[in-house]
Amino acid sequence: MTEGLATAAQTGSIAVQLRRAEAAVRERLQPVLDEHGLSLEHWRILAVVEDTPGLGMSDVGAEAVVPAASMTRHMDKLVEHGLVVRRVDPADRRRAVVALSARGQRLAGRLRRAERAVVLPEGPQPAAVAAAPQSGSR
């Protein structure tokens, strides 16, 4: 049985490795998110807004990989929690742009620190990544 587990842990599948990485991130971040009644999708939105304040909702959704159908609901919750401010775009009054509030910045800082503490699972690298030249080497 242990041999089977060792083989499974060595999979070269990008999909499996991504899922393991997501599980490691979720394990570290979920306690902080739970304090605020938020999900990992909310964190992805906050991270994008922190990195690029002033984006429109559809751009945030695309960057955060959140379906358009749920983006407004998620953003409404972040605004209600006082984490995000939504304003009319002065360049196009039909469009709303978003930025983190001071409270949102503090939470984003906590989540970034927790994210940096994540230990990603080891596994073989996909062939394309393993074959790529290492930075600094020629």
N, C-alpha and C. Protein backbone atom coordinates (compact mmCIF):
# COMPACT_ATOMS: atom_id res chain seq x y z
N MET A 1 0.82 -1.20 0.00
CA MET A 1 0.00 0.00 0.00
C MET A 1 0.86 1.26 0.00
N THR A 2 1.93 1.25 0.78
CA THR A 2 2.82 2.41 0.82
C THR A 2 3.47 2.63 -0.53
N GLU A 3 3.79 1.55 -1.25
CA GLU A 3 4.39 1.67 -2.57
C GLU A 3 3.45 2.39 -3.52
N GLY A 4 2.16 2.10 -3.45
CA GLY A 4 1.17 2.77 -4.29
C GLY A 4 1.09 4.26 -3.97
N LEU A 5 1.16 4.60 -2.70
CA LEU A 5 1.14 6.01 -2.31
C LEU A 5 2.37 6.74 -2.80
N ALA A 6 3.51 6.09 -2.73
CA ALA A 6 4.75 6.71 -3.20
C ALA A 6 4.65 6.97 -4.69
N THR A 7 4.10 6.02 -5.43
CA THR A 7 3.95 6.19 -6.88
C THR A 7 2.99 7.33 -7.17
N ALA A 8 1.88 7.42 -6.45
CA ALA A 8 0.90 8.49 -6.66
C ALA A 8 1.53 9.85 -6.37
N ALA A 9 2.39 9.92 -5.37
CA ALA A 9 3.01 11.20 -5.00
C ALA A 9 4.00 11.66 -6.07
N GLN A 10 4.46 10.76 -6.91
CA GLN A 10 5.46 11.10 -7.92
C GLN A 10 4.84 11.42 -9.28
N THR A 11 3.53 11.58 -9.35
CA THR A 11 2.89 11.82 -10.63
C THR A 11 3.44 13.08 -11.30
N GLY A 12 3.56 13.01 -12.60
CA GLY A 12 4.02 14.16 -13.37
C GLY A 12 2.87 14.98 -13.90
N SER A 13 1.64 14.64 -13.51
CA SER A 13 0.47 15.35 -14.00
C SER A 13 0.41 16.76 -13.42
N ILE A 14 0.35 17.74 -14.32
CA ILE A 14 0.23 19.13 -13.87
C ILE A 14 -1.07 19.31 -13.10
N ALA A 15 -2.16 18.70 -13.56
CA ALA A 15 -3.45 18.83 -12.89
C ALA A 15 -3.39 18.33 -11.45
N VAL A 16 -2.72 17.20 -11.24
CA VAL A 16 -2.60 16.65 -9.89
C VAL A 16 -1.72 17.55 -9.03
N GLN A 17 -0.63 18.02 -9.58
CA GLN A 17 0.27 18.88 -8.82
C GLN A 17 -0.41 20.21 -8.46
N LEU A 18 -1.17 20.77 -9.40
CA LEU A 18 -1.90 22.00 -9.10
C LEU A 18 -2.91 21.79 -8.00
N ARG A 19 -3.61 20.67 -8.04
CA ARG A 19 -4.61 20.39 -7.00
C ARG A 19 -3.94 20.25 -5.64
N ARG A 20 -2.78 19.60 -5.60
CA ARG A 20 -2.04 19.47 -4.33
C ARG A 20 -1.58 20.84 -3.83
N ALA A 21 -1.11 21.68 -4.75
CA ALA A 21 -0.68 23.02 -4.37
C ALA A 21 -1.87 23.82 -3.85
N GLU A 22 -3.02 23.71 -4.52
CA GLU A 22 -4.22 24.42 -4.06
C GLU A 22 -4.62 23.95 -2.66
N ALA A 23 -4.54 22.64 -2.42
CA ALA A 23 -4.88 22.11 -1.10
C ALA A 23 -3.94 22.66 -0.02
N ALA A 24 -2.65 22.78 -0.35
CA ALA A 24 -1.68 23.32 0.61
C ALA A 24 -1.98 24.79 0.91
N VAL A 25 -2.34 25.56 -0.13
CA VAL A 25 -2.68 26.97 0.06
C VAL A 25 -3.96 27.08 0.88
N ARG A 26 -4.96 26.29 0.52
CA ARG A 26 -6.24 26.33 1.24
C ARG A 26 -6.06 26.01 2.72
N GLU A 27 -5.25 24.99 3.00
CA GLU A 27 -5.02 24.59 4.40
C GLU A 27 -4.44 25.74 5.22
N ARG A 28 -3.55 26.52 4.62
CA ARG A 28 -2.89 27.61 5.34
C ARG A 28 -3.79 28.85 5.44
N LEU A 29 -4.55 29.15 4.37
CA LEU A 29 -5.32 30.39 4.33
C LEU A 29 -6.72 30.27 4.91
N GLN A 30 -7.31 29.07 4.86
CA GLN A 30 -8.72 28.95 5.23
C GLN A 30 -9.03 29.41 6.66
N PRO A 31 -8.17 29.15 7.65
CA PRO A 31 -8.48 29.67 8.99
C PRO A 31 -8.64 31.19 9.02
N VAL A 32 -7.79 31.91 8.30
CA VAL A 32 -7.90 33.37 8.25
C VAL A 32 -9.16 33.77 7.49
N LEU A 33 -9.42 33.10 6.37
CA LEU A 33 -10.62 33.40 5.59
C LEU A 33 -11.88 33.12 6.40
N ASP A 34 -11.88 32.02 7.16
CA ASP A 34 -13.05 31.66 7.98
C ASP A 34 -13.38 32.73 9.01
N GLU A 35 -12.36 33.40 9.55
CA GLU A 35 -12.59 34.48 10.51
C GLU A 35 -13.47 35.58 9.92
N HIS A 36 -13.41 35.71 8.60
CA HIS A 36 -14.13 36.79 7.91
C HIS A 36 -15.30 36.27 7.06
N GLY A 37 -15.54 34.96 7.13
CA GLY A 37 -16.62 34.38 6.34
C GLY A 37 -16.35 34.42 4.84
N LEU A 38 -15.08 34.28 4.46
CA LEU A 38 -14.69 34.38 3.06
C LEU A 38 -14.18 33.05 2.53
N SER A 39 -14.10 32.97 1.21
CA SER A 39 -13.62 31.77 0.54
C SER A 39 -12.30 32.06 -0.17
N LEU A 40 -11.70 31.02 -0.72
CA LEU A 40 -10.48 31.18 -1.48
C LEU A 40 -10.73 32.04 -2.73
N GLU A 41 -11.93 31.95 -3.30
CA GLU A 41 -12.26 32.83 -4.43
C GLU A 41 -12.20 34.30 -4.01
N HIS A 42 -12.71 34.60 -2.81
CA HIS A 42 -12.64 35.98 -2.31
C HIS A 42 -11.18 36.42 -2.20
N TRP A 43 -10.31 35.52 -1.72
CA TRP A 43 -8.90 35.88 -1.60
C TRP A 43 -8.29 36.16 -2.97
N ARG A 44 -8.63 35.36 -3.97
CA ARG A 44 -8.08 35.61 -5.30
C ARG A 44 -8.51 36.99 -5.80
N ILE A 45 -9.75 37.36 -5.52
CA ILE A 45 -10.24 38.69 -5.92
C ILE A 45 -9.47 39.78 -5.17
N LEU A 46 -9.35 39.62 -3.86
CA LEU A 46 -8.61 40.61 -3.07
C LEU A 46 -7.16 40.74 -3.54
N ALA A 47 -6.53 39.61 -3.86
CA ALA A 47 -5.14 39.63 -4.31
C ALA A 47 -5.00 40.40 -5.61
N VAL A 48 -5.92 40.19 -6.54
CA VAL A 48 -5.87 40.91 -7.82
C VAL A 48 -6.10 42.40 -7.58
N VAL A 49 -7.08 42.73 -6.75
CA VAL A 49 -7.37 44.15 -6.49
C VAL A 49 -6.19 44.80 -5.77
N GLU A 50 -5.54 44.07 -4.87
CA GLU A 50 -4.36 44.62 -4.19
C GLU A 50 -3.23 44.88 -5.20
N ASP A 51 -3.02 43.94 -6.09
CA ASP A 51 -1.95 44.07 -7.08
C ASP A 51 -2.22 45.15 -8.11
N THR A 52 -3.51 45.31 -8.47
CA THR A 52 -3.86 46.25 -9.54
C THR A 52 -5.13 47.02 -9.18
N PRO A 53 -5.04 47.98 -8.26
CA PRO A 53 -6.23 48.76 -7.92
C PRO A 53 -6.71 49.56 -9.12
N GLY A 54 -8.02 49.77 -9.18
CA GLY A 54 -8.59 50.57 -10.26
C GLY A 54 -9.09 49.76 -11.44
N LEU A 55 -9.00 48.44 -11.34
CA LEU A 55 -9.54 47.61 -12.41
C LEU A 55 -11.06 47.59 -12.36
N GLY A 56 -11.66 47.31 -13.50
CA GLY A 56 -13.10 47.11 -13.56
C GLY A 56 -13.43 45.69 -13.11
N MET A 57 -14.70 45.47 -12.84
CA MET A 57 -15.14 44.17 -12.32
C MET A 57 -14.82 43.01 -13.26
N SER A 58 -15.05 43.17 -14.55
CA SER A 58 -14.81 42.06 -15.47
C SER A 58 -13.31 41.74 -15.56
N ASP A 59 -12.47 42.77 -15.48
CA ASP A 59 -11.02 42.54 -15.49
C ASP A 59 -10.57 41.82 -14.22
N VAL A 60 -11.12 42.21 -13.09
CA VAL A 60 -10.78 41.53 -11.83
C VAL A 60 -11.20 40.07 -11.91
N GLY A 61 -12.42 39.82 -12.39
CA GLY A 61 -12.91 38.45 -12.51
C GLY A 61 -12.03 37.60 -13.41
N ALA A 62 -11.63 38.16 -14.54
CA ALA A 62 -10.78 37.42 -15.47
C ALA A 62 -9.42 37.11 -14.84
N GLU A 63 -8.81 38.10 -14.18
CA GLU A 63 -7.50 37.90 -13.56
C GLU A 63 -7.57 36.94 -12.37
N ALA A 64 -8.67 36.99 -11.62
CA ALA A 64 -8.82 36.14 -10.43
C ALA A 64 -9.38 34.76 -10.78
N VAL A 65 -9.70 34.54 -12.03
CA VAL A 65 -10.27 33.29 -12.52
C VAL A 65 -11.56 32.97 -11.75
N VAL A 66 -12.44 33.97 -11.71
CA VAL A 66 -13.75 33.83 -11.07
C VAL A 66 -14.80 34.01 -12.15
N PRO A 67 -15.73 33.07 -12.26
CA PRO A 67 -16.76 33.18 -13.30
C PRO A 67 -17.54 34.49 -13.20
N ALA A 68 -17.82 35.08 -14.34
CA ALA A 68 -18.55 36.35 -14.38
C ALA A 68 -19.89 36.25 -13.66
N ALA A 69 -20.52 35.08 -13.73
CA ALA A 69 -21.83 34.89 -13.11
C ALA A 69 -21.79 35.05 -11.59
N SER A 70 -20.64 34.80 -10.96
CA SER A 70 -20.56 34.93 -9.50
C SER A 70 -19.74 36.13 -9.05
N MET A 71 -19.14 36.85 -9.98
CA MET A 71 -18.26 37.96 -9.63
C MET A 71 -18.98 39.06 -8.85
N THR A 72 -20.16 39.48 -9.31
CA THR A 72 -20.89 40.56 -8.63
C THR A 72 -21.25 40.15 -7.21
N ARG A 73 -21.71 38.92 -7.03
CA ARG A 73 -22.07 38.43 -5.70
C ARG A 73 -20.85 38.45 -4.77
N HIS A 74 -19.71 37.96 -5.27
CA HIS A 74 -18.49 37.96 -4.46
C HIS A 74 -18.05 39.39 -4.13
N MET A 75 -18.09 40.26 -5.12
CA MET A 75 -17.66 41.64 -4.90
C MET A 75 -18.60 42.35 -3.93
N ASP A 76 -19.91 42.10 -4.05
CA ASP A 76 -20.87 42.69 -3.10
C ASP A 76 -20.52 42.31 -1.67
N LYS A 77 -20.16 41.05 -1.45
CA LYS A 77 -19.81 40.60 -0.10
C LYS A 77 -18.55 41.31 0.40
N LEU A 78 -17.56 41.46 -0.48
CA LEU A 78 -16.32 42.15 -0.08
C LEU A 78 -16.58 43.61 0.25
N VAL A 79 -17.48 44.24 -0.50
CA VAL A 79 -17.85 45.64 -0.23
C VAL A 79 -18.61 45.71 1.10
N GLU A 80 -19.57 44.79 1.32
CA GLU A 80 -20.35 44.76 2.57
C GLU A 80 -19.44 44.55 3.79
N HIS A 81 -18.39 43.76 3.62
CA HIS A 81 -17.44 43.52 4.73
C HIS A 81 -16.46 44.68 4.91
N GLY A 82 -16.56 45.69 4.05
CA GLY A 82 -15.67 46.84 4.18
C GLY A 82 -14.25 46.57 3.73
N LEU A 83 -14.06 45.56 2.87
CA LEU A 83 -12.73 45.20 2.41
C LEU A 83 -12.37 45.84 1.07
N VAL A 84 -13.39 46.16 0.28
CA VAL A 84 -13.21 46.73 -1.05
C VAL A 84 -14.10 47.95 -1.17
N VAL A 85 -13.61 48.95 -1.87
CA VAL A 85 -14.44 50.11 -2.21
C VAL A 85 -14.66 50.09 -3.72
N ARG A 86 -15.89 50.40 -4.09
CA ARG A 86 -16.27 50.41 -5.50
C ARG A 86 -16.64 51.84 -5.84
N ARG A 87 -16.07 52.34 -6.92
CA ARG A 87 -16.32 53.72 -7.34
C ARG A 87 -16.64 53.75 -8.83
N VAL A 88 -17.31 54.81 -9.23
CA VAL A 88 -17.57 55.03 -10.65
C VAL A 88 -16.26 55.45 -11.30
N ASP A 89 -15.95 54.85 -12.43
CA ASP A 89 -14.73 55.18 -13.18
C ASP A 89 -14.88 56.59 -13.73
N PRO A 90 -14.01 57.52 -13.33
CA PRO A 90 -14.14 58.90 -13.81
C PRO A 90 -13.97 59.01 -15.34
N ALA A 91 -13.26 58.06 -15.95
CA ALA A 91 -13.05 58.10 -17.39
C ALA A 91 -14.24 57.53 -18.17
N ASP A 92 -15.05 56.68 -17.50
CA ASP A 92 -16.21 56.07 -18.14
C ASP A 92 -17.25 55.84 -17.06
N ARG A 93 -18.14 56.76 -16.91
CA ARG A 93 -19.10 56.76 -15.81
C ARG A 93 -20.05 55.56 -15.82
N ARG A 94 -20.04 54.77 -16.89
CA ARG A 94 -20.88 53.56 -16.94
C ARG A 94 -20.20 52.39 -16.25
N ARG A 95 -18.95 52.55 -15.88
CA ARG A 95 -18.12 51.45 -15.38
C ARG A 95 -17.73 51.70 -13.93
N ALA A 96 -17.70 50.62 -13.14
CA ALA A 96 -17.23 50.70 -11.75
C ALA A 96 -15.82 50.15 -11.67
N VAL A 97 -14.99 50.78 -10.83
CA VAL A 97 -13.64 50.30 -10.57
C VAL A 97 -13.52 50.03 -9.07
N VAL A 98 -12.57 49.18 -8.71
CA VAL A 98 -12.46 48.76 -7.31
C VAL A 98 -11.05 48.92 -6.79
N ALA A 99 -10.95 49.07 -5.47
CA ALA A 99 -9.67 49.14 -4.76
C ALA A 99 -9.89 48.61 -3.35
N LEU A 100 -8.83 48.23 -2.69
CA LEU A 100 -8.94 47.76 -1.31
C LEU A 100 -9.12 48.94 -0.37
N SER A 101 -9.95 48.74 0.64
CA SER A 101 -10.06 49.72 1.72
C SER A 101 -8.87 49.49 2.66
N ALA A 102 -8.73 50.33 3.66
CA ALA A 102 -7.66 50.13 4.65
C ALA A 102 -7.82 48.77 5.33
N ARG A 103 -9.06 48.41 5.64
CA ARG A 103 -9.32 47.10 6.26
C ARG A 103 -8.95 45.97 5.30
N GLY A 104 -9.27 46.14 4.03
CA GLY A 104 -8.92 45.15 3.02
C GLY A 104 -7.42 45.01 2.87
N GLN A 105 -6.70 46.11 2.97
CA GLN A 105 -5.24 46.06 2.87
C GLN A 105 -4.65 45.29 4.05
N ARG A 106 -5.21 45.50 5.24
CA ARG A 106 -4.71 44.76 6.41
C ARG A 106 -4.96 43.26 6.25
N LEU A 107 -6.17 42.90 5.81
CA LEU A 107 -6.47 41.47 5.62
C LEU A 107 -5.60 40.89 4.51
N ALA A 108 -5.43 41.61 3.42
CA ALA A 108 -4.58 41.13 2.33
C ALA A 108 -3.15 40.90 2.82
N GLY A 109 -2.66 41.77 3.67
CA GLY A 109 -1.32 41.59 4.23
C GLY A 109 -1.22 40.31 5.04
N ARG A 110 -2.23 40.04 5.86
CA ARG A 110 -2.25 38.79 6.64
C ARG A 110 -2.27 37.58 5.73
N LEU A 111 -3.11 37.64 4.70
CA LEU A 111 -3.23 36.51 3.79
C LEU A 111 -1.96 36.32 2.96
N ARG A 112 -1.31 37.40 2.57
CA ARG A 112 -0.04 37.29 1.83
C ARG A 112 1.02 36.62 2.71
N ARG A 113 1.07 37.01 3.98
CA ARG A 113 2.05 36.39 4.89
C ARG A 113 1.76 34.91 5.05
N ALA A 114 0.48 34.56 5.20
CA ALA A 114 0.10 33.15 5.32
C ALA A 114 0.44 32.40 4.03
N GLU A 115 0.21 33.04 2.90
CA GLU A 115 0.49 32.42 1.61
C GLU A 115 1.99 32.14 1.45
N ARG A 116 2.81 33.09 1.89
CA ARG A 116 4.26 32.89 1.78
C ARG A 116 4.75 31.75 2.67
N ALA A 117 3.99 31.41 3.71
CA ALA A 117 4.37 30.33 4.61
C ALA A 117 3.96 28.95 4.09
N VAL A 118 3.25 28.91 2.97
CA VAL A 118 2.82 27.64 2.39
C VAL A 118 4.03 26.86 1.89
N VAL A 119 4.07 25.60 2.25
CA VAL A 119 5.09 24.70 1.74
C VAL A 119 4.43 23.87 0.66
N LEU A 120 4.84 24.09 -0.58
CA LEU A 120 4.23 23.36 -1.68
C LEU A 120 4.75 21.94 -1.72
N PRO A 121 3.86 21.00 -2.08
CA PRO A 121 4.29 19.60 -2.14
C PRO A 121 5.34 19.40 -3.23
N GLU A 122 6.30 18.55 -2.92
CA GLU A 122 7.34 18.21 -3.90
C GLU A 122 6.76 17.23 -4.90
N GLY A 123 7.26 17.27 -6.08
CA GLY A 123 6.84 16.32 -7.11
C GLY A 123 7.68 16.53 -8.33
N PRO A 124 7.64 15.58 -9.24
CA PRO A 124 8.42 15.75 -10.45
C PRO A 124 7.89 16.92 -11.27
N GLN A 125 8.77 17.58 -11.96
CA GLN A 125 8.35 18.70 -12.79
C GLN A 125 7.90 18.18 -14.14
N PRO A 126 6.88 18.81 -14.72
CA PRO A 126 6.49 18.43 -16.07
C PRO A 126 7.67 18.60 -17.01
N ALA A 127 7.71 17.82 -18.07
CA ALA A 127 8.85 17.81 -18.99
C ALA A 127 9.18 19.20 -19.53
N ALA A 128 8.16 20.01 -19.86
CA ALA A 128 8.41 21.34 -20.42
C ALA A 128 9.12 22.23 -19.41
N VAL A 129 8.76 22.12 -18.13
CA VAL A 129 9.39 22.94 -17.09
C VAL A 129 10.80 22.44 -16.82
N ALA A 130 10.95 21.12 -16.75
CA ALA A 130 12.26 20.55 -16.46
C ALA A 130 13.26 20.84 -17.57
N ALA A 131 12.77 20.93 -18.82
CA ALA A 131 13.66 21.17 -19.96
C ALA A 131 14.01 22.63 -20.14
N ALA A 132 13.28 23.54 -19.50
CA ALA A 132 13.53 24.97 -19.66
C ALA A 132 14.87 25.33 -19.04
N PRO A 133 15.61 26.23 -19.67
CA PRO A 133 16.90 26.64 -19.10
C PRO A 133 16.69 27.37 -17.78
N GLN A 134 17.55 27.13 -16.83
CA GLN A 134 17.49 27.78 -15.53
C GLN A 134 17.95 29.22 -15.67
N SER A 135 17.33 30.14 -14.93
CA SER A 135 17.76 31.53 -15.01
C SER A 135 19.19 31.65 -14.50
N GLY A 136 19.94 32.46 -15.19
CA GLY A 136 21.32 32.67 -14.79
C GLY A 136 22.29 31.66 -15.38
N SER A 137 21.79 30.59 -16.00
CA SER A 137 22.68 29.60 -16.61
C SER A 137 22.63 29.72 -18.12
N ARG A 138 23.72 29.43 -18.76
CA ARG A 138 23.77 29.51 -20.24
C ARG A 138 24.43 28.30 -20.80
